[in-house]
Amino acid sequence: MSENCNHDCAHCAQKCDDKKPESFLVAPHPQSRIKRVIGVMSGKGGVGKSFVTALLASEMTRRGHQTGVLDADITGPSIPKMFGIKTRAEGDENGIYPVASDSGIDVMSLNLLLEKETDPVIWRGSLITGTVLQFWKDVIWKDEDYLFVDMPPGTGDVTLTVFQSLPLSGIVVVGTPQGLVNMIVSKAVKMARMMNVPLLGYVENMSYLKCPECGHDTALFGPSRADAVAAEFGFPCAVRLPLDPVRAAACDEGRVECIREEALEPLLERLEALPEKTK
């Protein structure tokens, strides 16, 4: 440390051995009480990331935890529709209040602020990332045991903002069985490691189709790679979810909370073992 050190590391050019790295973490709303923040991401779109986010929130609620979902997919929000939420979010001088689903899951999404849910969001990156931060610091998330962040696909602006600004307990990565998945998952995993964000689990969605007549599993998109992906990239657990038209219909009808998924058990147990990281 320099003899003339003023302890302002952020604006210091000296390369001190004990110089502390700058933190970009943003404090949540003063009235928020958030114990664990879980990011749900994918390397590409169309793999069912929002569906997995909704399932995780619903299953943790059934286990007796208070949960919330921050829909960070600003230009493609689908969380409110899955939960059947049509009420618009409201606010006052204290902040913005999330809208509760039928089972009590707190949800904040841009679609809850738009006049019509089909209105397009034609914004540049800085405005989109600013909105995500507003959903974190201006929304009053009260007593959330788990806040799930549904991120847009890829490793762009929003994902970087979430990784840097929110105190993530870890991430869940969602993929599908296709051979391309290794390259896509690799990008997400490398980003998480660069940002020192723990991997919590890998979810292979649309892993198989179960015949309603005979119960036979058909691998529509090729053999499962879930265990191989988990082993290659160091995921502590891997989960396989089926391609199910009944579940797809439930999401379209706003009944995602009615879906039960026993295959998520190992991942849910891992989430319950996480220590509290935020206030």
C-alpha atoms as a PDB file:
ATOM      1  CA  MET A   1       0.000   0.000   0.000  1.00  0.00           C
ATOM      2  CA  SER A   2       1.296   3.472  -0.885  1.00  0.00           C
ATOM      3  CA  GLU A   3       2.251   5.863   1.932  1.00  0.00           C
ATOM      4  CA  ASN A   4      -0.107   8.429   0.412  1.00  0.00           C
ATOM      5  CA  CYS A   5      -3.027   6.010   0.075  1.00  0.00           C
ATOM      6  CA  ASN A   6      -6.451   7.649   0.451  1.00  0.00           C
ATOM      7  CA  HIS A   7      -8.207   4.225   0.411  1.00  0.00           C
ATOM      8  CA  ASP A   8     -10.175   5.170  -2.724  1.00  0.00           C
ATOM      9  CA  CYS A   9      -9.337   2.049  -4.742  1.00  0.00           C
ATOM     10  CA  ALA A  10     -11.860   2.800  -7.466  1.00  0.00           C
ATOM     11  CA  HIS A  11      -9.939   5.886  -8.611  1.00  0.00           C
ATOM     12  CA  CYS A  12      -6.396   4.775  -7.825  1.00  0.00           C
ATOM     13  CA  ALA A  13      -3.759   3.888 -10.438  1.00  0.00           C
ATOM     14  CA  GLN A  14      -1.460   2.132  -7.975  1.00  0.00           C
ATOM     15  CA  LYS A  15      -1.244  -1.666  -8.270  1.00  0.00           C
ATOM     16  CA  CYS A  16      -1.270  -2.570  -4.607  1.00  0.00           C
ATOM     17  CA  ASP A  17      -1.177  -6.225  -3.547  1.00  0.00           C
ATOM     18  CA  ASP A  18      -4.005  -5.646  -1.086  1.00  0.00           C
ATOM     19  CA  LYS A  19      -6.104  -3.541  -3.431  1.00  0.00           C
ATOM     20  CA  LYS A  20      -9.725  -4.655  -3.227  1.00  0.00           C
ATOM     21  CA  PRO A  21     -11.558  -5.402  -6.491  1.00  0.00           C
ATOM     22  CA  GLU A  22     -14.356  -2.989  -7.308  1.00  0.00           C
ATOM     23  CA  SER A  23     -17.836  -4.341  -6.643  1.00  0.00           C
ATOM     24  CA  PHE A  24     -20.689  -3.598  -9.032  1.00  0.00           C
ATOM     25  CA  LEU A  25     -23.371  -5.058  -6.754  1.00  0.00           C
ATOM     26  CA  VAL A  26     -26.520  -2.956  -6.531  1.00  0.00           C
ATOM     27  CA  ALA A  27     -28.477  -2.835  -3.301  1.00  0.00           C
ATOM     28  CA  PRO A  28     -32.104  -4.010  -3.472  1.00  0.00           C
ATOM     29  CA  HIS A  29     -34.992  -1.828  -2.343  1.00  0.00           C
ATOM     30  CA  PRO A  30     -34.635  -0.950   1.369  1.00  0.00           C
ATOM     31  CA  GLN A  31     -37.926  -2.717   2.110  1.00  0.00           C
ATOM     32  CA  SER A  32     -36.963  -5.889   0.220  1.00  0.00           C
ATOM     33  CA  ARG A  33     -36.014  -9.025   2.117  1.00  0.00           C
ATOM     34  CA  ILE A  34     -34.377 -11.445  -0.320  1.00  0.00           C
ATOM     35  CA  LYS A  35     -32.485 -14.454   1.006  1.00  0.00           C
ATOM     36  CA  ARG A  36     -31.302 -16.181  -2.191  1.00  0.00           C
ATOM     37  CA  VAL A  37     -31.147 -15.100  -5.832  1.00  0.00           C
ATOM     38  CA  ILE A  38     -31.139 -17.844  -8.475  1.00  0.00           C
ATOM     39  CA  GLY A  39     -30.405 -17.078 -12.120  1.00  0.00           C
ATOM     40  CA  VAL A  40     -31.925 -19.268 -14.841  1.00  0.00           C
ATOM     41  CA  MET A  41     -30.146 -18.961 -18.179  1.00  0.00           C
ATOM     42  CA  SER A  42     -29.583 -20.646 -21.528  1.00  0.00           C
ATOM     43  CA  GLY A  43     -27.092 -20.196 -24.308  1.00  0.00           C
ATOM     44  CA  LYS A  44     -29.875 -19.946 -26.914  1.00  0.00           C
ATOM     45  CA  GLY A  45     -33.594 -19.301 -27.124  1.00  0.00           C
ATOM     46  CA  GLY A  46     -36.400 -21.801 -27.489  1.00  0.00           C
ATOM     47  CA  VAL A  47     -35.178 -24.340 -24.937  1.00  0.00           C
ATOM     48  CA  GLY A  48     -37.850 -23.667 -22.301  1.00  0.00           C
ATOM     49  CA  LYS A  49     -35.883 -21.482 -19.895  1.00  0.00           C
ATOM     50  CA  SER A  50     -38.932 -19.515 -18.734  1.00  0.00           C
ATOM     51  CA  PHE A  51     -40.875 -22.752 -18.300  1.00  0.00           C
ATOM     52  CA  VAL A  52     -38.120 -24.138 -16.057  1.00  0.00           C
ATOM     53  CA  THR A  53     -38.038 -20.869 -14.092  1.00  0.00           C
ATOM     54  CA  ALA A  54     -41.783 -21.077 -13.481  1.00  0.00           C
ATOM     55  CA  LEU A  55     -41.539 -24.754 -12.497  1.00  0.00           C
ATOM     56  CA  LEU A  56     -38.758 -24.087  -9.985  1.00  0.00           C
ATOM     57  CA  ALA A  57     -40.677 -21.221  -8.392  1.00  0.00           C
ATOM     58  CA  SER A  58     -43.866 -23.310  -8.197  1.00  0.00           C
ATOM     59  CA  GLU A  59     -42.141 -26.360  -6.713  1.00  0.00           C
ATOM     60  CA  MET A  60     -40.279 -24.300  -4.099  1.00  0.00           C
ATOM     61  CA  THR A  61     -43.570 -22.667  -3.137  1.00  0.00           C
ATOM     62  CA  ARG A  62     -45.100 -26.112  -2.645  1.00  0.00           C
ATOM     63  CA  ARG A  63     -42.208 -26.877  -0.310  1.00  0.00           C
ATOM     64  CA  GLY A  64     -43.261 -23.993   1.910  1.00  0.00           C
ATOM     65  CA  HIS A  65     -40.902 -21.276   0.661  1.00  0.00           C
ATOM     66  CA  GLN A  66     -41.890 -17.772  -0.361  1.00  0.00           C
ATOM     67  CA  THR A  67     -40.695 -17.249  -3.922  1.00  0.00           C
ATOM     68  CA  GLY A  68     -40.593 -14.530  -6.527  1.00  0.00           C
ATOM     69  CA  VAL A  69     -39.779 -14.319 -10.237  1.00  0.00           C
ATOM     70  CA  LEU A  70     -37.977 -11.347 -11.757  1.00  0.00           C
ATOM     71  CA  ASP A  71     -38.602 -11.551 -15.495  1.00  0.00           C
ATOM     72  CA  ALA A  72     -35.378 -10.127 -16.951  1.00  0.00           C
ATOM     73  CA  ASP A  73     -36.319 -11.150 -20.498  1.00  0.00           C
ATOM     74  CA  ILE A  74     -37.487  -7.625 -21.238  1.00  0.00           C
ATOM     75  CA  THR A  75     -38.152  -7.965 -24.969  1.00  0.00           C
ATOM     76  CA  GLY A  76     -39.659 -11.458 -24.748  1.00  0.00           C
ATOM     77  CA  PRO A  77     -41.504 -11.690 -21.427  1.00  0.00           C
ATOM     78  CA  SER A  78     -43.615 -14.821 -20.991  1.00  0.00           C
ATOM     79  CA  ILE A  79     -43.724 -15.355 -17.233  1.00  0.00           C
ATOM     80  CA  PRO A  80     -47.022 -13.486 -16.556  1.00  0.00           C
ATOM     81  CA  LYS A  81     -48.882 -15.506 -19.207  1.00  0.00           C
ATOM     82  CA  MET A  82     -47.641 -18.817 -17.774  1.00  0.00           C
ATOM     83  CA  PHE A  83     -48.941 -17.838 -14.354  1.00  0.00           C
ATOM     84  CA  GLY A  84     -52.200 -16.462 -15.754  1.00  0.00           C
ATOM     85  CA  ILE A  85     -51.499 -12.995 -14.343  1.00  0.00           C
ATOM     86  CA  LYS A  86     -53.470 -10.231 -16.020  1.00  0.00           C
ATOM     87  CA  THR A  87     -53.364  -7.593 -13.258  1.00  0.00           C
ATOM     88  CA  ARG A  88     -51.035  -4.677 -13.902  1.00  0.00           C
ATOM     89  CA  ALA A  89     -48.289  -3.896 -11.388  1.00  0.00           C
ATOM     90  CA  GLU A  90     -48.822  -0.838  -9.231  1.00  0.00           C
ATOM     91  CA  GLY A  91     -46.599   1.468  -7.245  1.00  0.00           C
ATOM     92  CA  ASP A  92     -46.566   4.419  -4.890  1.00  0.00           C
ATOM     93  CA  GLU A  93     -44.034   6.782  -3.348  1.00  0.00           C
ATOM     94  CA  ASN A  94     -42.304   3.812  -1.708  1.00  0.00           C
ATOM     95  CA  GLY A  95     -41.695   1.781  -4.866  1.00  0.00           C
ATOM     96  CA  ILE A  96     -43.211  -0.772  -7.237  1.00  0.00           C
ATOM     97  CA  TYR A  97     -45.103  -3.817  -5.992  1.00  0.00           C
ATOM     98  CA  PRO A  98     -44.916  -7.219  -7.683  1.00  0.00           C
ATOM     99  CA  VAL A  99     -48.114  -9.022  -8.632  1.00  0.00           C
ATOM    100  CA  ALA A 100     -48.888 -12.262  -6.785  1.00  0.00           C
ATOM    101  CA  SER A 101     -49.898 -15.426  -8.629  1.00  0.00           C
ATOM    102  CA  ASP A 102     -52.658 -17.761  -7.450  1.00  0.00           C
ATOM    103  CA  SER A 103     -50.251 -19.624  -5.163  1.00  0.00           C
ATOM    104  CA  GLY A 104     -48.605 -16.453  -3.869  1.00  0.00           C
ATOM    105  CA  ILE A 105     -45.540 -16.240  -6.120  1.00  0.00           C
ATOM    106  CA  ASP A 106     -44.466 -12.613  -6.528  1.00  0.00           C
ATOM    107  CA  VAL A 107     -43.896 -11.685 -10.173  1.00  0.00           C
ATOM    108  CA  MET A 108     -42.455  -8.600 -11.838  1.00  0.00           C
ATOM    109  CA  SER A 109     -42.300  -8.380 -15.618  1.00  0.00           C
ATOM    110  CA  LEU A 110     -42.420  -5.610 -18.160  1.00  0.00           C
ATOM    111  CA  ASN A 111     -45.660  -7.094 -19.488  1.00  0.00           C
ATOM    112  CA  LEU A 112     -47.241  -6.135 -16.152  1.00  0.00           C
ATOM    113  CA  LEU A 113     -46.485  -2.489 -16.947  1.00  0.00           C
ATOM    114  CA  LEU A 114     -47.528  -2.367 -20.613  1.00  0.00           C
ATOM    115  CA  GLU A 115     -50.949  -1.218 -21.805  1.00  0.00           C
ATOM    116  CA  LYS A 116     -51.217  -4.396 -23.916  1.00  0.00           C
ATOM    117  CA  GLU A 117     -49.170  -7.550 -23.410  1.00  0.00           C
ATOM    118  CA  THR A 118     -48.662  -7.816 -27.178  1.00  0.00           C
ATOM    119  CA  ASP A 119     -47.055  -4.356 -27.464  1.00  0.00           C
ATOM    120  CA  PRO A 120     -43.439  -4.721 -28.679  1.00  0.00           C
ATOM    121  CA  VAL A 121     -40.546  -3.381 -26.631  1.00  0.00           C
ATOM    122  CA  ILE A 122     -38.297  -1.604 -29.135  1.00  0.00           C
ATOM    123  CA  TRP A 123     -35.483  -0.482 -26.863  1.00  0.00           C
ATOM    124  CA  ARG A 124     -31.717  -0.303 -27.053  1.00  0.00           C
ATOM    125  CA  GLY A 125     -29.513  -2.280 -24.689  1.00  0.00           C
ATOM    126  CA  SER A 126     -28.870   0.428 -22.094  1.00  0.00           C
ATOM    127  CA  LEU A 127     -32.592   0.999 -21.535  1.00  0.00           C
ATOM    128  CA  ILE A 128     -33.220  -2.747 -21.253  1.00  0.00           C
ATOM    129  CA  THR A 129     -30.464  -3.285 -18.681  1.00  0.00           C
ATOM    130  CA  GLY A 130     -31.657  -0.216 -16.778  1.00  0.00           C
ATOM    131  CA  THR A 131     -35.130  -1.738 -16.553  1.00  0.00           C
ATOM    132  CA  VAL A 132     -33.715  -4.981 -15.158  1.00  0.00           C
ATOM    133  CA  LEU A 133     -31.903  -3.011 -12.460  1.00  0.00           C
ATOM    134  CA  GLN A 134     -35.125  -1.140 -11.681  1.00  0.00           C
ATOM    135  CA  PHE A 135     -36.896  -4.471 -11.185  1.00  0.00           C
ATOM    136  CA  TRP A 136     -34.207  -5.257  -8.614  1.00  0.00           C
ATOM    137  CA  LYS A 137     -33.778  -1.985  -6.727  1.00  0.00           C
ATOM    138  CA  ASP A 138     -37.163  -0.247  -7.150  1.00  0.00           C
ATOM    139  CA  VAL A 139     -39.472  -3.239  -6.685  1.00  0.00           C
ATOM    140  CA  ILE A 140     -40.388  -4.137  -3.105  1.00  0.00           C
ATOM    141  CA  TRP A 141     -39.634  -7.858  -2.839  1.00  0.00           C
ATOM    142  CA  LYS A 142     -40.839  -8.680   0.654  1.00  0.00           C
ATOM    143  CA  ASP A 143     -39.628 -11.792   2.481  1.00  0.00           C
ATOM    144  CA  GLU A 144     -38.504 -13.785  -0.561  1.00  0.00           C
ATOM    145  CA  ASP A 145     -36.756 -17.029   0.358  1.00  0.00           C
ATOM    146  CA  TYR A 146     -35.906 -17.466  -3.322  1.00  0.00           C
ATOM    147  CA  LEU A 147     -35.972 -14.895  -6.103  1.00  0.00           C
ATOM    148  CA  PHE A 148     -35.646 -16.558  -9.513  1.00  0.00           C
ATOM    149  CA  VAL A 149     -34.313 -14.379 -12.323  1.00  0.00           C
ATOM    150  CA  ASP A 150     -35.499 -15.459 -15.781  1.00  0.00           C
ATOM    151  CA  MET A 151     -32.742 -14.147 -18.050  1.00  0.00           C
ATOM    152  CA  PRO A 152     -32.894 -13.696 -21.829  1.00  0.00           C
ATOM    153  CA  PRO A 153     -30.977 -16.248 -23.913  1.00  0.00           C
ATOM    154  CA  GLY A 154     -27.287 -15.752 -24.572  1.00  0.00           C
ATOM    155  CA  THR A 155     -24.478 -13.964 -22.771  1.00  0.00           C
ATOM    156  CA  GLY A 156     -25.259 -10.353 -23.650  1.00  0.00           C
ATOM    157  CA  ASP A 157     -25.979  -7.123 -21.808  1.00  0.00           C
ATOM    158  CA  VAL A 158     -28.747  -8.314 -19.487  1.00  0.00           C
ATOM    159  CA  THR A 159     -26.940 -11.486 -18.440  1.00  0.00           C
ATOM    160  CA  LEU A 160     -23.776  -9.492 -17.699  1.00  0.00           C
ATOM    161  CA  THR A 161     -25.796  -6.944 -15.705  1.00  0.00           C
ATOM    162  CA  VAL A 162     -27.458  -9.675 -13.639  1.00  0.00           C
ATOM    163  CA  PHE A 163     -24.133 -11.422 -13.004  1.00  0.00           C
ATOM    164  CA  GLN A 164     -22.406  -8.207 -11.918  1.00  0.00           C
ATOM    165  CA  SER A 165     -25.182  -6.355 -10.108  1.00  0.00           C
ATOM    166  CA  LEU A 166     -27.237  -9.021  -8.305  1.00  0.00           C
ATOM    167  CA  PRO A 167     -25.864 -11.213  -5.466  1.00  0.00           C
ATOM    168  CA  LEU A 168     -26.468 -14.518  -7.239  1.00  0.00           C
ATOM    169  CA  SER A 169     -26.377 -17.675  -5.155  1.00  0.00           C
ATOM    170  CA  GLY A 170     -25.833 -19.546  -8.419  1.00  0.00           C
ATOM    171  CA  ILE A 171     -27.334 -20.333 -11.806  1.00  0.00           C
ATOM    172  CA  VAL A 172     -29.372 -23.085 -13.395  1.00  0.00           C
ATOM    173  CA  VAL A 173     -28.596 -23.684 -17.076  1.00  0.00           C
ATOM    174  CA  VAL A 174     -31.285 -25.012 -19.428  1.00  0.00           C
ATOM    175  CA  GLY A 175     -30.599 -26.872 -22.662  1.00  0.00           C
ATOM    176  CA  THR A 176     -31.948 -29.591 -24.967  1.00  0.00           C
ATOM    177  CA  PRO A 177     -30.555 -32.948 -26.182  1.00  0.00           C
ATOM    178  CA  GLN A 178     -29.270 -31.794 -29.592  1.00  0.00           C
ATOM    179  CA  GLY A 179     -25.559 -32.150 -30.318  1.00  0.00           C
ATOM    180  CA  LEU A 180     -25.282 -28.368 -30.613  1.00  0.00           C
ATOM    181  CA  VAL A 181     -26.001 -28.096 -26.889  1.00  0.00           C
ATOM    182  CA  ASN A 182     -22.385 -28.666 -25.810  1.00  0.00           C
ATOM    183  CA  MET A 183     -21.180 -25.532 -27.565  1.00  0.00           C
ATOM    184  CA  ILE A 184     -24.130 -23.475 -26.305  1.00  0.00           C
ATOM    185  CA  VAL A 185     -23.843 -24.680 -22.712  1.00  0.00           C
ATOM    186  CA  SER A 186     -20.097 -24.131 -22.837  1.00  0.00           C
ATOM    187  CA  LYS A 187     -20.611 -20.412 -23.448  1.00  0.00           C
ATOM    188  CA  ALA A 188     -22.931 -20.073 -20.440  1.00  0.00           C
ATOM    189  CA  VAL A 189     -20.628 -22.090 -18.183  1.00  0.00           C
ATOM    190  CA  LYS A 190     -17.519 -20.143 -19.192  1.00  0.00           C
ATOM    191  CA  MET A 191     -19.289 -16.869 -18.494  1.00  0.00           C
ATOM    192  CA  ALA A 192     -20.394 -18.091 -15.061  1.00  0.00           C
ATOM    193  CA  ARG A 193     -16.863 -19.141 -14.189  1.00  0.00           C
ATOM    194  CA  MET A 194     -15.410 -15.847 -15.384  1.00  0.00           C
ATOM    195  CA  MET A 195     -17.900 -14.051 -13.123  1.00  0.00           C
ATOM    196  CA  ASN A 196     -17.373 -16.471 -10.192  1.00  0.00           C
ATOM    197  CA  VAL A 197     -21.021 -17.537 -10.172  1.00  0.00           C
ATOM    198  CA  PRO A 198     -21.646 -21.114  -8.923  1.00  0.00           C
ATOM    199  CA  LEU A 199     -23.314 -23.730 -11.121  1.00  0.00           C
ATOM    200  CA  LEU A 200     -26.325 -25.252  -9.355  1.00  0.00           C
ATOM    201  CA  GLY A 201     -27.649 -27.663 -11.956  1.00  0.00           C
ATOM    202  CA  TYR A 202     -28.291 -28.468 -15.587  1.00  0.00           C
ATOM    203  CA  VAL A 203     -31.822 -29.025 -16.884  1.00  0.00           C
ATOM    204  CA  GLU A 204     -32.245 -30.884 -20.169  1.00  0.00           C
ATOM    205  CA  ASN A 205     -35.688 -29.864 -21.359  1.00  0.00           C
ATOM    206  CA  MET A 206     -37.625 -31.726 -24.080  1.00  0.00           C
ATOM    207  CA  SER A 207     -35.413 -34.704 -23.294  1.00  0.00           C
ATOM    208  CA  TYR A 208     -37.985 -37.291 -24.395  1.00  0.00           C
ATOM    209  CA  LEU A 209     -41.625 -37.806 -25.361  1.00  0.00           C
ATOM    210  CA  LYS A 210     -43.620 -40.341 -23.354  1.00  0.00           C
ATOM    211  CA  CYS A 211     -46.238 -42.227 -25.338  1.00  0.00           C
ATOM    212  CA  PRO A 212     -49.645 -41.791 -23.644  1.00  0.00           C
ATOM    213  CA  GLU A 213     -50.693 -45.265 -24.792  1.00  0.00           C
ATOM    214  CA  CYS A 214     -47.768 -47.565 -23.942  1.00  0.00           C
ATOM    215  CA  GLY A 215     -45.545 -45.307 -21.815  1.00  0.00           C
ATOM    216  CA  HIS A 216     -42.519 -45.741 -24.082  1.00  0.00           C
ATOM    217  CA  ASP A 217     -40.011 -42.852 -24.095  1.00  0.00           C
ATOM    218  CA  THR A 218     -39.020 -41.547 -27.515  1.00  0.00           C
ATOM    219  CA  ALA A 219     -35.934 -39.342 -27.884  1.00  0.00           C
ATOM    220  CA  LEU A 220     -37.276 -36.945 -30.511  1.00  0.00           C
ATOM    221  CA  PHE A 221     -34.161 -34.767 -30.518  1.00  0.00           C
ATOM    222  CA  GLY A 222     -31.602 -37.513 -30.121  1.00  0.00           C
ATOM    223  CA  PRO A 223     -30.277 -39.396 -27.089  1.00  0.00           C
ATOM    224  CA  SER A 224     -30.006 -37.572 -23.804  1.00  0.00           C
ATOM    225  CA  ARG A 225     -26.759 -35.731 -23.133  1.00  0.00           C
ATOM    226  CA  ALA A 226     -27.718 -34.545 -19.649  1.00  0.00           C
ATOM    227  CA  ASP A 227     -25.316 -36.707 -17.657  1.00  0.00           C
ATOM    228  CA  ALA A 228     -22.483 -36.185 -20.135  1.00  0.00           C
ATOM    229  CA  VAL A 229     -22.985 -32.400 -20.072  1.00  0.00           C
ATOM    230  CA  ALA A 230     -23.070 -32.390 -16.262  1.00  0.00           C
ATOM    231  CA  ALA A 231     -19.846 -34.408 -16.098  1.00  0.00           C
ATOM    232  CA  GLU A 232     -18.040 -32.334 -18.740  1.00  0.00           C
ATOM    233  CA  PHE A 233     -18.867 -28.935 -17.299  1.00  0.00           C
ATOM    234  CA  GLY A 234     -18.994 -29.735 -13.593  1.00  0.00           C
ATOM    235  CA  PHE A 235     -22.699 -29.365 -12.861  1.00  0.00           C
ATOM    236  CA  PRO A 236     -23.491 -30.880  -9.446  1.00  0.00           C
ATOM    237  CA  CYS A 237     -26.747 -32.366 -10.752  1.00  0.00           C
ATOM    238  CA  ALA A 238     -28.585 -32.967 -14.029  1.00  0.00           C
ATOM    239  CA  VAL A 239     -32.350 -33.138 -14.590  1.00  0.00           C
ATOM    240  CA  ARG A 240     -34.286 -34.443 -17.597  1.00  0.00           C
ATOM    241  CA  LEU A 241     -37.732 -33.015 -18.391  1.00  0.00           C
ATOM    242  CA  PRO A 242     -40.115 -34.466 -21.014  1.00  0.00           C
ATOM    243  CA  LEU A 243     -41.674 -32.845 -24.045  1.00  0.00           C
ATOM    244  CA  ASP A 244     -45.321 -32.879 -23.009  1.00  0.00           C
ATOM    245  CA  PRO A 245     -48.180 -31.261 -24.982  1.00  0.00           C
ATOM    246  CA  VAL A 246     -50.369 -31.318 -21.867  1.00  0.00           C
ATOM    247  CA  ARG A 247     -47.844 -29.172 -20.012  1.00  0.00           C
ATOM    248  CA  ALA A 248     -47.494 -26.869 -22.985  1.00  0.00           C
ATOM    249  CA  ALA A 249     -51.259 -26.355 -22.953  1.00  0.00           C
ATOM    250  CA  ALA A 250     -51.178 -25.650 -19.203  1.00  0.00           C
ATOM    251  CA  CYS A 251     -48.616 -22.883 -19.768  1.00  0.00           C
ATOM    252  CA  ASP A 252     -50.685 -21.387 -22.580  1.00  0.00           C
ATOM    253  CA  GLU A 253     -53.702 -21.369 -20.271  1.00  0.00           C
ATOM    254  CA  GLY A 254     -51.830 -19.762 -17.368  1.00  0.00           C
ATOM    255  CA  ARG A 255     -51.812 -22.904 -15.220  1.00  0.00           C
ATOM    256  CA  VAL A 256     -48.086 -23.578 -14.834  1.00  0.00           C
ATOM    257  CA  GLU A 257     -48.536 -23.779 -11.053  1.00  0.00           C
ATOM    258  CA  CYS A 258     -50.619 -26.932 -11.518  1.00  0.00           C
ATOM    259  CA  ILE A 259     -47.701 -28.842 -13.065  1.00  0.00           C
ATOM    260  CA  ARG A 260     -45.836 -31.229 -10.771  1.00  0.00           C
ATOM    261  CA  GLU A 261     -42.338 -32.414 -11.664  1.00  0.00           C
ATOM    262  CA  GLU A 262     -40.680 -35.050  -9.485  1.00  0.00           C
ATOM    263  CA  ALA A 263     -37.569 -35.087 -11.687  1.00  0.00           C
ATOM    264  CA  LEU A 264     -36.607 -31.683 -10.267  1.00  0.00           C
ATOM    265  CA  GLU A 265     -36.154 -33.180  -6.790  1.00  0.00           C
ATOM    266  CA  PRO A 266     -32.294 -33.259  -6.802  1.00  0.00           C
ATOM    267  CA  LEU A 267     -32.123 -29.653  -7.949  1.00  0.00           C
ATOM    268  CA  LEU A 268     -34.750 -28.490  -5.460  1.00  0.00           C
ATOM    269  CA  GLU A 269     -32.838 -30.127  -2.626  1.00  0.00           C
ATOM    270  CA  ARG A 270     -29.694 -28.356  -3.735  1.00  0.00           C
ATOM    271  CA  LEU A 271     -31.524 -25.024  -3.721  1.00  0.00           C
ATOM    272  CA  GLU A 272     -32.789 -25.687  -0.200  1.00  0.00           C
ATOM    273  CA  ALA A 273     -29.208 -26.299   0.961  1.00  0.00           C
ATOM    274  CA  LEU A 274     -28.013 -22.873  -0.203  1.00  0.00           C
ATOM    275  CA  PRO A 275     -27.059 -20.394   2.537  1.00  0.00           C
ATOM    276  CA  GLU A 276     -28.703 -17.002   2.684  1.00  0.00           C
ATOM    277  CA  LYS A 277     -26.689 -14.394   0.822  1.00  0.00           C
ATOM    278  CA  THR A 278     -28.714 -11.193   0.994  1.00  0.00           C
ATOM    279  CA  LYS A 279     -30.835  -9.430   3.503  1.00  0.00           C
END
